[in-house]
């Protein structure tokens, strides 16, 4: 089975080779990743200018380094660089959790998986979250000292891929978003979860007159009951497996629907 691998942490991510190793044991792995870190970019596509792709050898794998964004990597890897669509797109393993709505829609990791789904390819996004203060955990997670953690995370991710491919990707689901606690292994509990309705406030600080810099300063706000959610699973130290539907409607109450329809001059149609 052809599996297209990408990420948003770039070709030098310490998670990349362990993940490719774990998947290559059973699959034909095609690796197309950004040539630098492209986090917090969502599902951006390069609209103007060239996207340059260069073949490199990383950890014994042929890796295609792309000057564009994670979603560009999926576009090129799915439609132009290889024969035929892949059977699966896997994105990650990301350095940091991508749980809760606010991070889901910001994530380049999840954005790449969404690009796969748009191309009609089942897609799974994988992320690993910090077990201590981000400023302390992140430098360690990008260092060589973290490799054993990434090997364990890759084993978990590859096992989840194996289960999903054996059982079949769930009908009506566009992306499966998986969040793995730092230090988890194959014996760590896994839960099927919902996406927490989460927001944040300020993300930038002033660094000079008219100059601002992203500093992760915003406070996280959980805006709905977190029970059964990916946020609750992270707090409990378990792996969350969250099905994501990109298309569909939650419905609008009949009274509001009628009011909106009247404003446009059309007749109301009740709940829709």
C-alpha atoms as a PDB file:
ATOM      1  CA  UNK A   1       0.000   0.000   0.000  1.00  0.00           C
ATOM      2  CA  UNK A   2       1.388   3.409  -0.968  1.00  0.00           C
ATOM      3  CA  UNK A   3       1.485   5.790   1.994  1.00  0.00           C
ATOM      4  CA  UNK A   4       2.302   9.474   1.494  1.00  0.00           C
ATOM      5  CA  UNK A   5       4.105  10.900   4.536  1.00  0.00           C
ATOM      6  CA  UNK A   6       4.441  14.598   5.276  1.00  0.00           C
ATOM      7  CA  UNK A   7       4.776  16.898   8.291  1.00  0.00           C
ATOM      8  CA  UNK A   8       4.942  20.554   9.228  1.00  0.00           C
ATOM      9  CA  UNK A   9       8.135  20.397  11.315  1.00  0.00           C
ATOM     10  CA  UNK A  10      10.354  20.016   8.285  1.00  0.00           C
ATOM     11  CA  UNK A  11      12.928  17.610   6.977  1.00  0.00           C
ATOM     12  CA  UNK A  12      15.111  17.932  10.086  1.00  0.00           C
ATOM     13  CA  UNK A  13      12.370  16.863  12.502  1.00  0.00           C
ATOM     14  CA  UNK A  14      13.668  14.108  14.826  1.00  0.00           C
ATOM     15  CA  UNK A  15      10.274  12.415  14.455  1.00  0.00           C
ATOM     16  CA  UNK A  16      10.568  11.911  10.692  1.00  0.00           C
ATOM     17  CA  UNK A  17      12.984   8.981  10.352  1.00  0.00           C
ATOM     18  CA  UNK A  18      11.461   6.873  13.170  1.00  0.00           C
ATOM     19  CA  UNK A  19       8.026   7.388  11.612  1.00  0.00           C
ATOM     20  CA  UNK A  20       9.202   6.508   8.104  1.00  0.00           C
ATOM     21  CA  UNK A  21      11.014   3.449   9.497  1.00  0.00           C
ATOM     22  CA  UNK A  22       7.911   2.212  11.301  1.00  0.00           C
ATOM     23  CA  UNK A  23       5.645   2.662   8.282  1.00  0.00           C
ATOM     24  CA  UNK A  24       8.140   1.239   5.774  1.00  0.00           C
ATOM     25  CA  UNK A  25       8.012  -2.124   7.534  1.00  0.00           C
ATOM     26  CA  UNK A  26       4.629  -2.779   5.884  1.00  0.00           C
ATOM     27  CA  UNK A  27       4.040  -0.068   3.287  1.00  0.00           C
ATOM     28  CA  UNK A  28       5.490   1.638   0.232  1.00  0.00           C
ATOM     29  CA  UNK A  29       6.419   4.954   1.834  1.00  0.00           C
ATOM     30  CA  UNK A  30       6.620   8.179  -0.161  1.00  0.00           C
ATOM     31  CA  UNK A  31       8.026  11.043   1.902  1.00  0.00           C
ATOM     32  CA  UNK A  32       7.430  14.658   0.836  1.00  0.00           C
ATOM     33  CA  UNK A  33       8.029  17.220   3.579  1.00  0.00           C
ATOM     34  CA  UNK A  34       8.745  20.947   3.860  1.00  0.00           C
ATOM     35  CA  UNK A  35      12.428  21.878   3.655  1.00  0.00           C
ATOM     36  CA  UNK A  36      12.032  23.901   6.885  1.00  0.00           C
ATOM     37  CA  UNK A  37       9.582  24.222   9.755  1.00  0.00           C
ATOM     38  CA  UNK A  38       6.109  25.236   8.549  1.00  0.00           C
ATOM     39  CA  UNK A  39       4.072  25.083  11.744  1.00  0.00           C
ATOM     40  CA  UNK A  40       0.852  27.037  12.354  1.00  0.00           C
ATOM     41  CA  UNK A  41       0.283  27.372   8.619  1.00  0.00           C
ATOM     42  CA  UNK A  42      -3.013  25.471   8.420  1.00  0.00           C
ATOM     43  CA  UNK A  43      -3.945  24.308   4.910  1.00  0.00           C
ATOM     44  CA  UNK A  44      -2.071  27.078   3.088  1.00  0.00           C
ATOM     45  CA  UNK A  45      -1.294  26.515  -0.585  1.00  0.00           C
ATOM     46  CA  UNK A  46       1.430  28.389  -2.461  1.00  0.00           C
ATOM     47  CA  UNK A  47      -0.542  30.590  -4.858  1.00  0.00           C
ATOM     48  CA  UNK A  48       2.257  32.745  -6.285  1.00  0.00           C
ATOM     49  CA  UNK A  49       5.823  31.789  -7.071  1.00  0.00           C
ATOM     50  CA  UNK A  50       7.494  28.446  -7.700  1.00  0.00           C
ATOM     51  CA  UNK A  51       7.530  25.472  -5.387  1.00  0.00           C
ATOM     52  CA  UNK A  52      10.893  23.725  -5.566  1.00  0.00           C
ATOM     53  CA  UNK A  53      11.302  20.035  -4.695  1.00  0.00           C
ATOM     54  CA  UNK A  54      14.682  18.418  -4.087  1.00  0.00           C
ATOM     55  CA  UNK A  55      15.497  14.744  -3.577  1.00  0.00           C
ATOM     56  CA  UNK A  56      17.549  13.975  -0.484  1.00  0.00           C
ATOM     57  CA  UNK A  57      18.585  10.918   1.508  1.00  0.00           C
ATOM     58  CA  UNK A  58      17.625  11.029   5.185  1.00  0.00           C
ATOM     59  CA  UNK A  59      18.146   8.087   7.523  1.00  0.00           C
ATOM     60  CA  UNK A  60      18.229   5.652   4.616  1.00  0.00           C
ATOM     61  CA  UNK A  61      14.985   6.984   3.122  1.00  0.00           C
ATOM     62  CA  UNK A  62      14.510   8.950  -0.076  1.00  0.00           C
ATOM     63  CA  UNK A  63      12.907  12.175   1.106  1.00  0.00           C
ATOM     64  CA  UNK A  64      11.617  14.950  -1.112  1.00  0.00           C
ATOM     65  CA  UNK A  65      12.224  18.366   0.452  1.00  0.00           C
ATOM     66  CA  UNK A  66       9.640  20.924  -0.668  1.00  0.00           C
ATOM     67  CA  UNK A  67      10.017  24.692  -0.438  1.00  0.00           C
ATOM     68  CA  UNK A  68       6.270  25.075   0.084  1.00  0.00           C
ATOM     69  CA  UNK A  69       3.783  24.261   2.808  1.00  0.00           C
ATOM     70  CA  UNK A  70       2.551  20.906   4.160  1.00  0.00           C
ATOM     71  CA  UNK A  71      -0.563  21.010   1.965  1.00  0.00           C
ATOM     72  CA  UNK A  72       1.675  21.719  -1.047  1.00  0.00           C
ATOM     73  CA  UNK A  73       3.600  18.560  -0.173  1.00  0.00           C
ATOM     74  CA  UNK A  74       0.377  16.542  -0.276  1.00  0.00           C
ATOM     75  CA  UNK A  75      -0.757  18.160  -3.521  1.00  0.00           C
ATOM     76  CA  UNK A  76       2.527  17.355  -5.236  1.00  0.00           C
ATOM     77  CA  UNK A  77       2.949  13.931  -3.678  1.00  0.00           C
ATOM     78  CA  UNK A  78      -0.598  12.869  -4.467  1.00  0.00           C
ATOM     79  CA  UNK A  79      -0.994  14.242  -7.984  1.00  0.00           C
ATOM     80  CA  UNK A  80       2.333  14.893  -9.694  1.00  0.00           C
ATOM     81  CA  UNK A  81       5.384  13.184  -8.263  1.00  0.00           C
ATOM     82  CA  UNK A  82       4.385   9.512  -8.223  1.00  0.00           C
ATOM     83  CA  UNK A  83       2.267   7.111 -10.253  1.00  0.00           C
ATOM     84  CA  UNK A  84      -1.308   7.281  -9.013  1.00  0.00           C
ATOM     85  CA  UNK A  85      -2.852   8.497  -5.795  1.00  0.00           C
ATOM     86  CA  UNK A  86      -1.534   7.072  -2.539  1.00  0.00           C
ATOM     87  CA  UNK A  87      -3.806   4.768  -0.548  1.00  0.00           C
ATOM     88  CA  UNK A  88      -3.325   6.869   2.592  1.00  0.00           C
ATOM     89  CA  UNK A  89      -1.921  10.238   3.651  1.00  0.00           C
ATOM     90  CA  UNK A  90      -0.248  10.361   7.070  1.00  0.00           C
ATOM     91  CA  UNK A  91       0.933  13.647   8.514  1.00  0.00           C
ATOM     92  CA  UNK A  92       3.308  13.999  11.450  1.00  0.00           C
ATOM     93  CA  UNK A  93       4.395  12.965  13.877  1.00  0.00           C
ATOM     94  CA  UNK A  94       4.035  16.585  14.986  1.00  0.00           C
ATOM     95  CA  UNK A  95       6.095  18.140  17.761  1.00  0.00           C
ATOM     96  CA  UNK A  96       3.291  19.323  20.056  1.00  0.00           C
ATOM     97  CA  UNK A  97      -0.382  18.505  20.535  1.00  0.00           C
ATOM     98  CA  UNK A  98      -2.940  19.385  17.879  1.00  0.00           C
ATOM     99  CA  UNK A  99      -6.035  18.894  20.018  1.00  0.00           C
ATOM    100  CA  UNK A 100      -9.050  21.142  20.382  1.00  0.00           C
ATOM    101  CA  UNK A 101     -10.651  23.220  17.637  1.00  0.00           C
ATOM    102  CA  UNK A 102      -8.321  26.229  17.861  1.00  0.00           C
ATOM    103  CA  UNK A 103      -5.199  24.187  17.266  1.00  0.00           C
ATOM    104  CA  UNK A 104      -6.824  21.849  14.760  1.00  0.00           C
ATOM    105  CA  UNK A 105      -7.642  24.637  12.310  1.00  0.00           C
ATOM    106  CA  UNK A 106      -4.234  26.291  12.837  1.00  0.00           C
ATOM    107  CA  UNK A 107      -2.132  23.163  12.414  1.00  0.00           C
ATOM    108  CA  UNK A 108      -0.043  22.542   9.313  1.00  0.00           C
ATOM    109  CA  UNK A 109      -0.037  18.873  10.297  1.00  0.00           C
ATOM    110  CA  UNK A 110      -3.818  18.635  10.216  1.00  0.00           C
ATOM    111  CA  UNK A 111      -3.974  20.960   7.203  1.00  0.00           C
ATOM    112  CA  UNK A 112      -1.880  18.499   5.216  1.00  0.00           C
ATOM    113  CA  UNK A 113      -4.214  15.660   6.206  1.00  0.00           C
ATOM    114  CA  UNK A 114      -7.196  17.789   5.175  1.00  0.00           C
ATOM    115  CA  UNK A 115      -5.561  18.316   1.775  1.00  0.00           C
ATOM    116  CA  UNK A 116      -5.369  14.545   1.441  1.00  0.00           C
ATOM    117  CA  UNK A 117      -9.049  14.208   2.275  1.00  0.00           C
ATOM    118  CA  UNK A 118      -9.920  16.866  -0.316  1.00  0.00           C
ATOM    119  CA  UNK A 119      -8.040  14.761  -2.872  1.00  0.00           C
ATOM    120  CA  UNK A 120     -10.203  11.785  -1.934  1.00  0.00           C
ATOM    121  CA  UNK A 121      -7.483   9.997   0.016  1.00  0.00           C
ATOM    122  CA  UNK A 122      -8.043   8.771   3.608  1.00  0.00           C
ATOM    123  CA  UNK A 123      -5.854  10.813   5.927  1.00  0.00           C
ATOM    124  CA  UNK A 124      -4.543  10.573   9.469  1.00  0.00           C
ATOM    125  CA  UNK A 125      -2.710  13.275  11.442  1.00  0.00           C
ATOM    126  CA  UNK A 126      -0.434  12.336  14.347  1.00  0.00           C
ATOM    127  CA  UNK A 127       0.926  14.596  17.081  1.00  0.00           C
ATOM    128  CA  UNK A 128       2.808  14.208  20.362  1.00  0.00           C
ATOM    129  CA  UNK A 129       2.202  16.595  23.249  1.00  0.00           C
ATOM    130  CA  UNK A 130       4.410  18.053  25.975  1.00  0.00           C
ATOM    131  CA  UNK A 131       4.537  16.562  29.457  1.00  0.00           C
ATOM    132  CA  UNK A 132       5.995  19.705  31.020  1.00  0.00           C
ATOM    133  CA  UNK A 133       6.351  23.429  30.305  1.00  0.00           C
ATOM    134  CA  UNK A 134       6.523  24.059  26.563  1.00  0.00           C
ATOM    135  CA  UNK A 135       9.670  26.219  26.789  1.00  0.00           C
ATOM    136  CA  UNK A 136      11.453  23.300  28.442  1.00  0.00           C
ATOM    137  CA  UNK A 137       9.916  20.419  26.482  1.00  0.00           C
ATOM    138  CA  UNK A 138      10.135  21.794  22.935  1.00  0.00           C
ATOM    139  CA  UNK A 139      13.942  22.211  22.712  1.00  0.00           C
ATOM    140  CA  UNK A 140      14.347  18.720  24.172  1.00  0.00           C
ATOM    141  CA  UNK A 141      11.759  17.283  21.739  1.00  0.00           C
ATOM    142  CA  UNK A 142      13.755  18.630  18.771  1.00  0.00           C
ATOM    143  CA  UNK A 143      17.051  17.288  20.108  1.00  0.00           C
ATOM    144  CA  UNK A 144      18.678  13.885  19.586  1.00  0.00           C
ATOM    145  CA  UNK A 145      17.956  13.058  23.242  1.00  0.00           C
ATOM    146  CA  UNK A 146      14.262  12.740  22.335  1.00  0.00           C
ATOM    147  CA  UNK A 147      14.733   9.985  19.719  1.00  0.00           C
ATOM    148  CA  UNK A 148      13.540   7.130  22.010  1.00  0.00           C
ATOM    149  CA  UNK A 149      10.265   9.026  22.513  1.00  0.00           C
ATOM    150  CA  UNK A 150       9.824   9.420  18.758  1.00  0.00           C
ATOM    151  CA  UNK A 151      10.530   5.726  18.187  1.00  0.00           C
ATOM    152  CA  UNK A 152       7.759   4.850  20.670  1.00  0.00           C
ATOM    153  CA  UNK A 153       5.391   7.419  19.136  1.00  0.00           C
ATOM    154  CA  UNK A 154       6.122   6.045  15.652  1.00  0.00           C
ATOM    155  CA  UNK A 155       5.317   2.522  16.832  1.00  0.00           C
ATOM    156  CA  UNK A 156       1.964   3.713  18.191  1.00  0.00           C
ATOM    157  CA  UNK A 157       1.195   5.616  14.987  1.00  0.00           C
ATOM    158  CA  UNK A 158       2.169   2.682  12.757  1.00  0.00           C
ATOM    159  CA  UNK A 159      -0.003   0.349  14.835  1.00  0.00           C
ATOM    160  CA  UNK A 160      -2.987   2.700  14.493  1.00  0.00           C
ATOM    161  CA  UNK A 161      -2.378   2.875  10.736  1.00  0.00           C
ATOM    162  CA  UNK A 162      -2.295  -0.936  10.616  1.00  0.00           C
ATOM    163  CA  UNK A 163      -5.600  -1.267  12.499  1.00  0.00           C
ATOM    164  CA  UNK A 164      -7.340   1.334  10.329  1.00  0.00           C
ATOM    165  CA  UNK A 165      -6.104  -0.179   7.072  1.00  0.00           C
ATOM    166  CA  UNK A 166      -7.085  -3.678   8.180  1.00  0.00           C
ATOM    167  CA  UNK A 167     -10.548  -2.651   9.396  1.00  0.00           C
ATOM    168  CA  UNK A 168     -11.178  -0.017   6.736  1.00  0.00           C
ATOM    169  CA  UNK A 169     -11.206   3.768   7.010  1.00  0.00           C
ATOM    170  CA  UNK A 170     -14.536   4.804   8.590  1.00  0.00           C
ATOM    171  CA  UNK A 171     -17.184   5.904   6.111  1.00  0.00           C
ATOM    172  CA  UNK A 172     -18.185   9.562   6.315  1.00  0.00           C
ATOM    173  CA  UNK A 173     -14.992  10.600   8.123  1.00  0.00           C
ATOM    174  CA  UNK A 174     -12.520  12.896   6.366  1.00  0.00           C
ATOM    175  CA  UNK A 175      -9.555  12.944   8.758  1.00  0.00           C
ATOM    176  CA  UNK A 176      -8.605  11.004  11.868  1.00  0.00           C
ATOM    177  CA  UNK A 177      -6.656  13.198  14.278  1.00  0.00           C
ATOM    178  CA  UNK A 178      -4.467  11.312  16.766  1.00  0.00           C
ATOM    179  CA  UNK A 179      -2.771  12.917  19.778  1.00  0.00           C
ATOM    180  CA  UNK A 180      -0.175  10.933  21.717  1.00  0.00           C
ATOM    181  CA  UNK A 181       1.173  11.906  25.153  1.00  0.00           C
ATOM    182  CA  UNK A 182       4.912  12.349  25.536  1.00  0.00           C
ATOM    183  CA  UNK A 183       6.301   9.093  26.930  1.00  0.00           C
ATOM    184  CA  UNK A 184       3.441   6.901  25.664  1.00  0.00           C
ATOM    185  CA  UNK A 185       4.131   3.398  24.354  1.00  0.00           C
ATOM    186  CA  UNK A 186       2.176   0.574  22.731  1.00  0.00           C
ATOM    187  CA  UNK A 187       0.602  -0.257  26.074  1.00  0.00           C
ATOM    188  CA  UNK A 188      -0.805   3.231  26.670  1.00  0.00           C
ATOM    189  CA  UNK A 189      -4.607   3.441  26.728  1.00  0.00           C
ATOM    190  CA  UNK A 190      -6.324   4.722  23.587  1.00  0.00           C
ATOM    191  CA  UNK A 191      -9.692   6.462  23.478  1.00  0.00           C
ATOM    192  CA  UNK A 192     -12.047   7.475  20.692  1.00  0.00           C
ATOM    193  CA  UNK A 193     -12.742  11.112  21.452  1.00  0.00           C
ATOM    194  CA  UNK A 194     -14.590  14.181  20.246  1.00  0.00           C
ATOM    195  CA  UNK A 195     -12.999  17.474  19.216  1.00  0.00           C
ATOM    196  CA  UNK A 196     -13.027  19.920  22.121  1.00  0.00           C
ATOM    197  CA  UNK A 197     -14.448  23.353  21.401  1.00  0.00           C
ATOM    198  CA  UNK A 198     -11.372  25.340  22.417  1.00  0.00           C
ATOM    199  CA  UNK A 199     -10.241  28.888  21.740  1.00  0.00           C
ATOM    200  CA  UNK A 200      -7.395  31.153  22.782  1.00  0.00           C
ATOM    201  CA  UNK A 201      -6.803  34.870  23.149  1.00  0.00           C
ATOM    202  CA  UNK A 202      -3.582  36.835  22.547  1.00  0.00           C
ATOM    203  CA  UNK A 203      -0.849  35.025  20.589  1.00  0.00           C
ATOM    204  CA  UNK A 204       1.472  37.982  19.903  1.00  0.00           C
ATOM    205  CA  UNK A 205       3.494  40.361  22.048  1.00  0.00           C
ATOM    206  CA  UNK A 206       4.835  43.774  21.111  1.00  0.00           C
ATOM    207  CA  UNK A 207       8.567  43.676  20.351  1.00  0.00           C
ATOM    208  CA  UNK A 208       8.962  47.249  19.103  1.00  0.00           C
ATOM    209  CA  UNK A 209       7.016  50.191  17.664  1.00  0.00           C
ATOM    210  CA  UNK A 210       4.523  48.652  15.255  1.00  0.00           C
ATOM    211  CA  UNK A 211       6.256  45.256  15.544  1.00  0.00           C
ATOM    212  CA  UNK A 212       4.710  42.132  17.033  1.00  0.00           C
ATOM    213  CA  UNK A 213       5.972  38.582  17.484  1.00  0.00           C
ATOM    214  CA  UNK A 214       4.169  35.281  18.087  1.00  0.00           C
ATOM    215  CA  UNK A 215       4.949  34.121  21.621  1.00  0.00           C
ATOM    216  CA  UNK A 216       2.277  31.517  22.563  1.00  0.00           C
ATOM    217  CA  UNK A 217       1.072  34.011  25.173  1.00  0.00           C
ATOM    218  CA  UNK A 218      -2.651  33.379  24.781  1.00  0.00           C
ATOM    219  CA  UNK A 219      -4.724  31.661  27.396  1.00  0.00           C
ATOM    220  CA  UNK A 220      -6.635  28.547  26.337  1.00  0.00           C
ATOM    221  CA  UNK A 221     -10.391  28.638  26.829  1.00  0.00           C
ATOM    222  CA  UNK A 222     -12.486  25.457  26.803  1.00  0.00           C
ATOM    223  CA  UNK A 223     -15.886  26.599  25.554  1.00  0.00           C
ATOM    224  CA  UNK A 224     -17.877  23.402  25.980  1.00  0.00           C
ATOM    225  CA  UNK A 225     -18.012  20.367  28.250  1.00  0.00           C
ATOM    226  CA  UNK A 226     -14.605  18.667  27.802  1.00  0.00           C
ATOM    227  CA  UNK A 227     -15.880  15.248  28.866  1.00  0.00           C
ATOM    228  CA  UNK A 228     -15.079  12.676  26.190  1.00  0.00           C
ATOM    229  CA  UNK A 229     -12.904  15.127  24.265  1.00  0.00           C
ATOM    230  CA  UNK A 230      -9.327  15.054  23.008  1.00  0.00           C
ATOM    231  CA  UNK A 231      -8.430  17.682  25.616  1.00  0.00           C
ATOM    232  CA  UNK A 232      -9.690  15.456  28.436  1.00  0.00           C
ATOM    233  CA  UNK A 233      -7.723  12.508  27.025  1.00  0.00           C
ATOM    234  CA  UNK A 234      -4.513  14.562  26.982  1.00  0.00           C
ATOM    235  CA  UNK A 235      -5.080  15.600  30.591  1.00  0.00           C
ATOM    236  CA  UNK A 236      -5.538  11.919  31.472  1.00  0.00           C
ATOM    237  CA  UNK A 237      -2.320  10.921  29.693  1.00  0.00           C
ATOM    238  CA  UNK A 238      -3.979   8.661  27.118  1.00  0.00           C
ATOM    239  CA  UNK A 239      -3.924   8.542  23.327  1.00  0.00           C
ATOM    240  CA  UNK A 240      -6.883  10.301  21.691  1.00  0.00           C
ATOM    241  CA  UNK A 241      -8.254   9.199  18.323  1.00  0.00           C
ATOM    242  CA  UNK A 242     -10.643  11.837  17.007  1.00  0.00           C
ATOM    243  CA  UNK A 243     -12.727  11.475  13.832  1.00  0.00           C
ATOM    244  CA  UNK A 244     -13.065  14.754  11.945  1.00  0.00           C
ATOM    245  CA  UNK A 245     -15.799  15.596   9.417  1.00  0.00           C
ATOM    246  CA  UNK A 246     -14.895  18.559   7.213  1.00  0.00           C
ATOM    247  CA  UNK A 247     -18.226  18.814   5.412  1.00  0.00           C
ATOM    248  CA  UNK A 248     -21.679  18.824   6.943  1.00  0.00           C
ATOM    249  CA  UNK A 249     -23.902  20.959   9.110  1.00  0.00           C
ATOM    250  CA  UNK A 250     -24.730  21.089  12.769  1.00  0.00           C
ATOM    251  CA  UNK A 251     -28.150  22.526  11.974  1.00  0.00           C
ATOM    252  CA  UNK A 252     -29.708  25.930  12.653  1.00  0.00           C
ATOM    253  CA  UNK A 253     -32.801  26.186  14.885  1.00  0.00           C
ATOM    254  CA  UNK A 254     -36.056  26.630  12.957  1.00  0.00           C
ATOM    255  CA  UNK A 255     -36.818  30.094  14.363  1.00  0.00           C
ATOM    256  CA  UNK A 256     -33.408  31.473  13.331  1.00  0.00           C
ATOM    257  CA  UNK A 257     -33.647  29.737   9.958  1.00  0.00           C
ATOM    258  CA  UNK A 258     -37.011  31.338   9.270  1.00  0.00           C
ATOM    259  CA  UNK A 259     -35.698  34.761  10.299  1.00  0.00           C
ATOM    260  CA  UNK A 260     -32.626  34.461   8.069  1.00  0.00           C
ATOM    261  CA  UNK A 261     -34.744  33.309   5.127  1.00  0.00           C
ATOM    262  CA  UNK A 262     -37.181  36.220   5.531  1.00  0.00           C
ATOM    263  CA  UNK A 263     -34.272  38.692   5.435  1.00  0.00           C
ATOM    264  CA  UNK A 264     -33.287  37.328   2.017  1.00  0.00           C
ATOM    265  CA  UNK A 265     -36.853  37.447   0.690  1.00  0.00           C
ATOM    266  CA  UNK A 266     -37.163  33.658   0.478  1.00  0.00           C
ATOM    267  CA  UNK A 267     -39.514  31.408   2.384  1.00  0.00           C
ATOM    268  CA  UNK A 268     -38.356  29.694   5.559  1.00  0.00           C
ATOM    269  CA  UNK A 269     -37.592  26.013   5.444  1.00  0.00           C
ATOM    270  CA  UNK A 270     -37.349  25.190   9.132  1.00  0.00           C
ATOM    271  CA  UNK A 271     -34.237  23.547  10.535  1.00  0.00           C
ATOM    272  CA  UNK A 272     -31.400  23.081   8.043  1.00  0.00           C
END
